[in-house]
Amino acid sequence: MRLRPDAKEDRQKTARERQAAYNKLSPTQKLARLDETLGKDVGAVKQRAKLQHIINAKPPKQEKSKEKSDKSKEKKPQKNS
């Protein structure tokens, strides 16, 4: 007999909350959190490599010009057969 029948639901709820908080972090923050939790360059080798790849591949943010977005909204004339 279980002591708390709702224990599974509680664990799932807290897991979803932790995952939501983790998903809000940037790749750099996720890497820093791994260092804080496990130690500098200790463990989670694949996760660290994945995050480092994302950080290195991420292009700098540039503001989109309004002209480009306005042109994409214009509809092309349709050809009637």
PDB file of N, CA and C in Angstrom:
ATOM      1  N   MET A   1       0.829  -1.173   0.000  1.00  0.00           N
ATOM      2  CA  MET A   1       0.000   0.000   0.000  1.00  0.00           C
ATOM      3  C   MET A   1       0.881   1.247   0.000  1.00  0.00           C
ATOM      4  N   ARG A   2       0.525   2.194  -0.833  1.00  0.00           N
ATOM      5  CA  ARG A   2       1.285   3.431  -0.933  1.00  0.00           C
ATOM      6  C   ARG A   2       0.881   4.392   0.175  1.00  0.00           C
ATOM      7  N   LEU A   3       1.868   5.154   0.596  1.00  0.00           N
ATOM      8  CA  LEU A   3       1.583   6.147   1.622  1.00  0.00           C
ATOM      9  C   LEU A   3       0.873   7.363   1.029  1.00  0.00           C
ATOM     10  N   ARG A   4       1.306   7.762  -0.148  1.00  0.00           N
ATOM     11  CA  ARG A   4       0.694   8.915  -0.794  1.00  0.00           C
ATOM     12  C   ARG A   4       0.301   8.551  -2.221  1.00  0.00           C
ATOM     13  N   PRO A   5      -0.947   8.350  -2.495  1.00  0.00           N
ATOM     14  CA  PRO A   5      -1.368   7.974  -3.846  1.00  0.00           C
ATOM     15  C   PRO A   5      -1.138   9.089  -4.875  1.00  0.00           C
ATOM     16  N   ASP A   6      -1.035  10.334  -4.431  1.00  0.00           N
ATOM     17  CA  ASP A   6      -0.838  11.436  -5.361  1.00  0.00           C
ATOM     18  C   ASP A   6       0.640  11.794  -5.561  1.00  0.00           C
ATOM     19  N   ALA A   7       1.546  11.001  -5.043  1.00  0.00           N
ATOM     20  CA  ALA A   7       2.975  11.300  -5.116  1.00  0.00           C
ATOM     21  C   ALA A   7       3.469  11.344  -6.563  1.00  0.00           C
ATOM     22  N   LYS A   8       2.976  10.447  -7.395  1.00  0.00           N
ATOM     23  CA  LYS A   8       3.398  10.415  -8.794  1.00  0.00           C
ATOM     24  C   LYS A   8       2.998  11.710  -9.495  1.00  0.00           C
ATOM     25  N   GLU A   9       1.795  12.155  -9.258  1.00  0.00           N
ATOM     26  CA  GLU A   9       1.318  13.398  -9.865  1.00  0.00           C
ATOM     27  C   GLU A   9       2.152  14.585  -9.396  1.00  0.00           C
ATOM     28  N   ASP A  10       2.523  14.598  -8.129  1.00  0.00           N
ATOM     29  CA  ASP A  10       3.360  15.670  -7.592  1.00  0.00           C
ATOM     30  C   ASP A  10       4.730  15.682  -8.270  1.00  0.00           C
ATOM     31  N   ARG A  11       5.328  14.500  -8.419  1.00  0.00           N
ATOM     32  CA  ARG A  11       6.635  14.415  -9.078  1.00  0.00           C
ATOM     33  C   ARG A  11       6.551  14.880 -10.522  1.00  0.00           C
ATOM     34  N   GLN A  12       5.493  14.488 -11.223  1.00  0.00           N
ATOM     35  CA  GLN A  12       5.323  14.891 -12.619  1.00  0.00           C
ATOM     36  C   GLN A  12       5.127  16.398 -12.734  1.00  0.00           C
ATOM     37  N   LYS A  13       4.362  16.962 -11.820  1.00  0.00           N
ATOM     38  CA  LYS A  13       4.108  18.401 -11.842  1.00  0.00           C
ATOM     39  C   LYS A  13       5.405  19.179 -11.627  1.00  0.00           C
ATOM     40  N   THR A  14       6.187  18.784 -10.625  1.00  0.00           N
ATOM     41  CA  THR A  14       7.441  19.497 -10.370  1.00  0.00           C
ATOM     42  C   THR A  14       8.432  19.297 -11.516  1.00  0.00           C
ATOM     43  N   ALA A  15       8.414  18.125 -12.141  1.00  0.00           N
ATOM     44  CA  ALA A  15       9.293  17.880 -13.287  1.00  0.00           C
ATOM     45  C   ALA A  15       8.927  18.803 -14.449  1.00  0.00           C
ATOM     46  N   ARG A  16       7.621  18.974 -14.696  1.00  0.00           N
ATOM     47  CA  ARG A  16       7.189  19.884 -15.762  1.00  0.00           C
ATOM     48  C   ARG A  16       7.603  21.324 -15.455  1.00  0.00           C
ATOM     49  N   GLU A  17       7.511  21.721 -14.209  1.00  0.00           N
ATOM     50  CA  GLU A  17       7.904  23.076 -13.806  1.00  0.00           C
ATOM     51  C   GLU A  17       9.399  23.292 -13.995  1.00  0.00           C
ATOM     52  N   ARG A  18      10.201  22.282 -13.588  1.00  0.00           N
ATOM     53  CA  ARG A  18      11.654  22.391 -13.768  1.00  0.00           C
ATOM     54  C   ARG A  18      12.022  22.456 -15.242  1.00  0.00           C
ATOM     55  N   GLN A  19      11.350  21.645 -16.061  1.00  0.00           N
ATOM     56  CA  GLN A  19      11.633  21.618 -17.497  1.00  0.00           C
ATOM     57  C   GLN A  19      11.262  22.946 -18.142  1.00  0.00           C
ATOM     58  N   ALA A  20      10.145  23.525 -17.743  1.00  0.00           N
ATOM     59  CA  ALA A  20       9.723  24.818 -18.289  1.00  0.00           C
ATOM     60  C   ALA A  20      10.748  25.898 -17.940  1.00  0.00           C
ATOM     61  N   ALA A  21      11.252  25.884 -16.712  1.00  0.00           N
ATOM     62  CA  ALA A  21      12.256  26.867 -16.296  1.00  0.00           C
ATOM     63  C   ALA A  21      13.550  26.668 -17.078  1.00  0.00           C
ATOM     64  N   TYR A  22      13.958  25.424 -17.295  1.00  0.00           N
ATOM     65  CA  TYR A  22      15.173  25.120 -18.042  1.00  0.00           C
ATOM     66  C   TYR A  22      15.043  25.540 -19.499  1.00  0.00           C
ATOM     67  N   ASN A  23      13.855  25.344 -20.084  1.00  0.00           N
ATOM     68  CA  ASN A  23      13.638  25.704 -21.483  1.00  0.00           C
ATOM     69  C   ASN A  23      13.720  27.208 -21.719  1.00  0.00           C
ATOM     70  N   LYS A  24      13.484  28.003 -20.690  1.00  0.00           N
ATOM     71  CA  LYS A  24      13.548  29.458 -20.819  1.00  0.00           C
ATOM     72  C   LYS A  24      14.983  29.974 -20.834  1.00  0.00           C
ATOM     73  N   LEU A  25      15.939  29.155 -20.415  1.00  0.00           N
ATOM     74  CA  LEU A  25      17.333  29.574 -20.369  1.00  0.00           C
ATOM     75  C   LEU A  25      17.946  29.594 -21.762  1.00  0.00           C
ATOM     76  N   SER A  26      18.906  30.496 -21.966  1.00  0.00           N
ATOM     77  CA  SER A  26      19.650  30.527 -23.226  1.00  0.00           C
ATOM     78  C   SER A  26      20.682  29.397 -23.194  1.00  0.00           C
ATOM     79  N   PRO A  27      21.235  29.019 -24.354  1.00  0.00           N
ATOM     80  CA  PRO A  27      22.258  27.962 -24.358  1.00  0.00           C
ATOM     81  C   PRO A  27      23.455  28.292 -23.454  1.00  0.00           C
ATOM     82  N   THR A  28      23.849  29.546 -23.406  1.00  0.00           N
ATOM     83  CA  THR A  28      24.962  29.952 -22.543  1.00  0.00           C
ATOM     84  C   THR A  28      24.599  29.755 -21.076  1.00  0.00           C
ATOM     85  N   GLN A  29      23.370  30.105 -20.713  1.00  0.00           N
ATOM     86  CA  GLN A  29      22.917  29.927 -19.331  1.00  0.00           C
ATOM     87  C   GLN A  29      22.809  28.448 -18.979  1.00  0.00           C
ATOM     88  N   LYS A  30      22.381  27.628 -19.938  1.00  0.00           N
ATOM     89  CA  LYS A  30      22.282  26.183 -19.700  1.00  0.00           C
ATOM     90  C   LYS A  30      23.664  25.595 -19.442  1.00  0.00           C
ATOM     91  N   LEU A  31      24.652  26.052 -20.226  1.00  0.00           N
ATOM     92  CA  LEU A  31      26.021  25.573 -20.041  1.00  0.00           C
ATOM     93  C   LEU A  31      26.557  26.005 -18.675  1.00  0.00           C
ATOM     94  N   ALA A  32      26.278  27.219 -18.278  1.00  0.00           N
ATOM     95  CA  ALA A  32      26.709  27.707 -16.962  1.00  0.00           C
ATOM     96  C   ALA A  32      26.036  26.911 -15.849  1.00  0.00           C
ATOM     97  N   ARG A  33      24.784  26.553 -16.062  1.00  0.00           N
ATOM     98  CA  ARG A  33      24.072  25.765 -15.044  1.00  0.00           C
ATOM     99  C   ARG A  33      24.681  24.371 -14.899  1.00  0.00           C
ATOM    100  N   LEU A  34      25.094  23.777 -16.017  1.00  0.00           N
ATOM    101  CA  LEU A  34      25.773  22.476 -15.944  1.00  0.00           C
ATOM    102  C   LEU A  34      27.067  22.596 -15.148  1.00  0.00           C
ATOM    103  N   ASP A  35      27.837  23.662 -15.408  1.00  0.00           N
ATOM    104  CA  ASP A  35      29.086  23.882 -14.679  1.00  0.00           C
ATOM    105  C   ASP A  35      28.817  24.047 -13.184  1.00  0.00           C
ATOM    106  N   GLU A  36      27.752  24.769 -12.861  1.00  0.00           N
ATOM    107  CA  GLU A  36      27.403  25.005 -11.465  1.00  0.00           C
ATOM    108  C   GLU A  36      26.963  23.714 -10.774  1.00  0.00           C
ATOM    109  N   THR A  37      26.188  22.908 -11.474  1.00  0.00           N
ATOM    110  CA  THR A  37      25.632  21.698 -10.878  1.00  0.00           C
ATOM    111  C   THR A  37      26.654  20.568 -10.776  1.00  0.00           C
ATOM    112  N   LEU A  38      27.349  20.304 -11.893  1.00  0.00           N
ATOM    113  CA  LEU A  38      28.243  19.151 -11.950  1.00  0.00           C
ATOM    114  C   LEU A  38      29.711  19.492 -11.723  1.00  0.00           C
ATOM    115  N   GLY A  39      30.080  20.725 -11.963  1.00  0.00           N
ATOM    116  CA  GLY A  39      31.478  21.131 -11.892  1.00  0.00           C
ATOM    117  C   GLY A  39      31.963  21.487 -13.284  1.00  0.00           C
ATOM    118  N   LYS A  40      32.993  22.301 -13.359  1.00  0.00           N
ATOM    119  CA  LYS A  40      33.527  22.773 -14.634  1.00  0.00           C
ATOM    120  C   LYS A  40      34.002  21.596 -15.489  1.00  0.00           C
ATOM    121  N   ASP A  41      33.397  21.446 -16.655  1.00  0.00           N
ATOM    122  CA  ASP A  41      33.748  20.409 -17.640  1.00  0.00           C
ATOM    123  C   ASP A  41      33.694  18.991 -17.077  1.00  0.00           C
ATOM    124  N   VAL A  42      32.775  18.745 -16.145  1.00  0.00           N
ATOM    125  CA  VAL A  42      32.619  17.413 -15.564  1.00  0.00           C
ATOM    126  C   VAL A  42      31.251  16.875 -15.967  1.00  0.00           C
ATOM    127  N   GLY A  43      31.236  15.702 -16.599  1.00  0.00           N
ATOM    128  CA  GLY A  43      29.984  15.043 -16.940  1.00  0.00           C
ATOM    129  C   GLY A  43      29.212  15.733 -18.047  1.00  0.00           C
ATOM    130  N   ALA A  44      28.124  15.117 -18.464  1.00  0.00           N
ATOM    131  CA  ALA A  44      27.208  15.623 -19.498  1.00  0.00           C
ATOM    132  C   ALA A  44      27.969  16.054 -20.748  1.00  0.00           C
ATOM    133  N   VAL A  45      28.861  15.196 -21.219  1.00  0.00           N
ATOM    134  CA  VAL A  45      29.738  15.533 -22.335  1.00  0.00           C
ATOM    135  C   VAL A  45      28.937  15.821 -23.597  1.00  0.00           C
ATOM    136  N   LYS A  46      27.966  14.979 -23.911  1.00  0.00           N
ATOM    137  CA  LYS A  46      27.178  15.173 -25.128  1.00  0.00           C
ATOM    138  C   LYS A  46      26.326  16.434 -25.050  1.00  0.00           C
ATOM    139  N   GLN A  47      25.727  16.683 -23.886  1.00  0.00           N
ATOM    140  CA  GLN A  47      24.909  17.882 -23.711  1.00  0.00           C
ATOM    141  C   GLN A  47      25.765  19.144 -23.829  1.00  0.00           C
ATOM    142  N   ARG A  48      26.959  19.105 -23.248  1.00  0.00           N
ATOM    143  CA  ARG A  48      27.871  20.250 -23.341  1.00  0.00           C
ATOM    144  C   ARG A  48      28.279  20.497 -24.797  1.00  0.00           C
ATOM    145  N   ALA A  49      28.566  19.427 -25.525  1.00  0.00           N
ATOM    146  CA  ALA A  49      28.949  19.571 -26.933  1.00  0.00           C
ATOM    147  C   ALA A  49      27.793  20.142 -27.749  1.00  0.00           C
ATOM    148  N   LYS A  50      26.593  19.665 -27.478  1.00  0.00           N
ATOM    149  CA  LYS A  50      25.405  20.153 -28.180  1.00  0.00           C
ATOM    150  C   LYS A  50      25.197  21.648 -27.923  1.00  0.00           C
ATOM    151  N   LEU A  51      25.278  22.054 -26.662  1.00  0.00           N
ATOM    152  CA  LEU A  51      25.097  23.455 -26.315  1.00  0.00           C
ATOM    153  C   LEU A  51      26.206  24.327 -26.914  1.00  0.00           C
ATOM    154  N   GLN A  52      27.437  23.840 -26.877  1.00  0.00           N
ATOM    155  CA  GLN A  52      28.556  24.597 -27.437  1.00  0.00           C
ATOM    156  C   GLN A  52      28.391  24.774 -28.942  1.00  0.00           C
ATOM    157  N   HIS A  53      27.901  23.747 -29.612  1.00  0.00           N
ATOM    158  CA  HIS A  53      27.650  23.828 -31.050  1.00  0.00           C
ATOM    159  C   HIS A  53      26.579  24.884 -31.349  1.00  0.00           C
ATOM    160  N   ILE A  54      25.530  24.902 -30.545  1.00  0.00           N
ATOM    161  CA  ILE A  54      24.456  25.890 -30.723  1.00  0.00           C
ATOM    162  C   ILE A  54      24.990  27.298 -30.496  1.00  0.00           C
ATOM    163  N   ILE A  55      25.823  27.467 -29.473  1.00  0.00           N
ATOM    164  CA  ILE A  55      26.396  28.784 -29.171  1.00  0.00           C
ATOM    165  C   ILE A  55      27.290  29.253 -30.305  1.00  0.00           C
ATOM    166  N   ASN A  56      28.128  28.362 -30.820  1.00  0.00           N
ATOM    167  CA  ASN A  56      29.054  28.733 -31.893  1.00  0.00           C
ATOM    168  C   ASN A  56      28.346  29.000 -33.216  1.00  0.00           C
ATOM    169  N   ALA A  57      27.268  28.281 -33.493  1.00  0.00           N
ATOM    170  CA  ALA A  57      26.572  28.400 -34.764  1.00  0.00           C
ATOM    171  C   ALA A  57      25.578  29.549 -34.787  1.00  0.00           C
ATOM    172  N   LYS A  58      25.258  30.087 -33.639  1.00  0.00           N
ATOM    173  CA  LYS A  58      24.232  31.125 -33.550  1.00  0.00           C
ATOM    174  C   LYS A  58      24.750  32.434 -34.157  1.00  0.00           C
ATOM    175  N   PRO A  59      24.114  32.905 -35.241  1.00  0.00           N
ATOM    176  CA  PRO A  59      24.547  34.169 -35.824  1.00  0.00           C
ATOM    177  C   PRO A  59      24.100  35.340 -34.952  1.00  0.00           C
ATOM    178  N   PRO A  60      24.807  36.452 -35.022  1.00  0.00           N
ATOM    179  CA  PRO A  60      24.381  37.607 -34.228  1.00  0.00           C
ATOM    180  C   PRO A  60      23.021  38.106 -34.702  1.00  0.00           C
ATOM    181  N   LYS A  61      22.219  38.579 -33.768  1.00  0.00           N
ATOM    182  CA  LYS A  61      20.879  39.040 -34.117  1.00  0.00           C
ATOM    183  C   LYS A  61      20.971  40.345 -34.892  1.00  0.00           C
ATOM    184  N   GLN A  62      20.194  40.421 -35.975  1.00  0.00           N
ATOM    185  CA  GLN A  62      20.115  41.635 -36.757  1.00  0.00           C
ATOM    186  C   GLN A  62      18.662  42.031 -36.863  1.00  0.00           C
ATOM    187  N   GLU A  63      18.426  43.335 -36.853  1.00  0.00           N
ATOM    188  CA  GLU A  63      17.057  43.796 -36.992  1.00  0.00           C
ATOM    189  C   GLU A  63      16.624  43.641 -38.439  1.00  0.00           C
ATOM    190  N   LYS A  64      15.397  43.190 -38.607  1.00  0.00           N
ATOM    191  CA  LYS A  64      14.863  43.022 -39.943  1.00  0.00           C
ATOM    192  C   LYS A  64      14.425  44.379 -40.472  1.00  0.00           C
ATOM    193  N   SER A  65      14.709  44.613 -41.739  1.00  0.00           N
ATOM    194  CA  SER A  65      14.274  45.873 -42.326  1.00  0.00           C
ATOM    195  C   SER A  65      12.790  45.781 -42.655  1.00  0.00           C
ATOM    196  N   LYS A  66      12.118  46.903 -42.536  1.00  0.00           N
ATOM    197  CA  LYS A  66      10.684  46.922 -42.795  1.00  0.00           C
ATOM    198  C   LYS A  66      10.385  46.664 -44.258  1.00  0.00           C
ATOM    199  N   GLU A  67      11.259  47.138 -45.143  1.00  0.00           N
ATOM    200  CA  GLU A  67      11.024  46.979 -46.575  1.00  0.00           C
ATOM    201  C   GLU A  67      10.917  45.504 -46.944  1.00  0.00           C
ATOM    202  N   LYS A  68      11.780  44.713 -46.389  1.00  0.00           N
ATOM    203  CA  LYS A  68      11.772  43.293 -46.708  1.00  0.00           C
ATOM    204  C   LYS A  68      10.479  42.625 -46.245  1.00  0.00           C
ATOM    205  N   SER A  69      10.037  42.961 -45.046  1.00  0.00           N
ATOM    206  CA  SER A  69       8.822  42.345 -44.533  1.00  0.00           C
ATOM    207  C   SER A  69       7.593  42.831 -45.296  1.00  0.00           C
ATOM    208  N   ASP A  70       7.596  44.094 -45.765  1.00  0.00           N
ATOM    209  CA  ASP A  70       6.474  44.611 -46.537  1.00  0.00           C
ATOM    210  C   ASP A  70       6.372  43.907 -47.889  1.00  0.00           C
ATOM    211  N   LYS A  71       7.516  43.625 -48.499  1.00  0.00           N
ATOM    212  CA  LYS A  71       7.501  42.958 -49.802  1.00  0.00           C
ATOM    213  C   LYS A  71       6.972  41.539 -49.700  1.00  0.00           C
ATOM    214  N   SER A  72       7.275  40.878 -48.603  1.00  0.00           N
ATOM    215  CA  SER A  72       6.822  39.496 -48.445  1.00  0.00           C
ATOM    216  C   SER A  72       5.316  39.422 -48.246  1.00  0.00           C
ATOM    217  N   LYS A  73       4.715  40.513 -47.782  1.00  0.00           N
ATOM    218  CA  LYS A  73       3.273  40.525 -47.556  1.00  0.00           C
ATOM    219  C   LYS A  73       2.492  40.737 -48.842  1.00  0.00           C
ATOM    220  N   GLU A  74       3.143  41.352 -49.837  1.00  0.00           N
ATOM    221  CA  GLU A  74       2.452  41.594 -51.098  1.00  0.00           C
ATOM    222  C   GLU A  74       2.184  40.271 -51.797  1.00  0.00           C
ATOM    223  N   LYS A  75       0.995  40.192 -52.382  1.00  0.00           N
ATOM    224  CA  LYS A  75       0.627  38.964 -53.087  1.00  0.00           C
ATOM    225  C   LYS A  75       1.082  39.044 -54.531  1.00  0.00           C
ATOM    226  N   LYS A  76       1.521  37.919 -55.033  1.00  0.00           N
ATOM    227  CA  LYS A  76       1.903  37.842 -56.431  1.00  0.00           C
ATOM    228  C   LYS A  76       0.658  37.685 -57.289  1.00  0.00           C
ATOM    229  N   PRO A  77       0.654  38.293 -58.462  1.00  0.00           N
ATOM    230  CA  PRO A  77      -0.520  38.124 -59.343  1.00  0.00           C
ATOM    231  C   PRO A  77      -0.646  36.672 -59.779  1.00  0.00           C
ATOM    232  N   GLN A  78      -1.870  36.195 -59.788  1.00  0.00           N
ATOM    233  CA  GLN A  78      -2.109  34.809 -60.164  1.00  0.00           C
ATOM    234  C   GLN A  78      -2.388  34.716 -61.659  1.00  0.00           C
ATOM    235  N   LYS A  79      -1.882  33.688 -62.266  1.00  0.00           N
ATOM    236  CA  LYS A  79      -2.120  33.465 -63.696  1.00  0.00           C
ATOM    237  C   LYS A  79      -3.364  32.609 -63.852  1.00  0.00           C
ATOM    238  N   ASN A  80      -4.253  33.025 -64.713  1.00  0.00           N
ATOM    239  CA  ASN A  80      -5.454  32.248 -65.000  1.00  0.00           C
ATOM    240  C   ASN A  80      -5.226  31.427 -66.259  1.00  0.00           C
ATOM    241  N   SER A  81      -5.558  30.160 -66.234  1.00  0.00           N
ATOM    242  CA  SER A  81      -5.346  29.295 -67.393  1.00  0.00           C
ATOM    243  C   SER A  81      -6.525  29.286 -68.307  1.00  0.00           C
TER     244      SER A  81
END
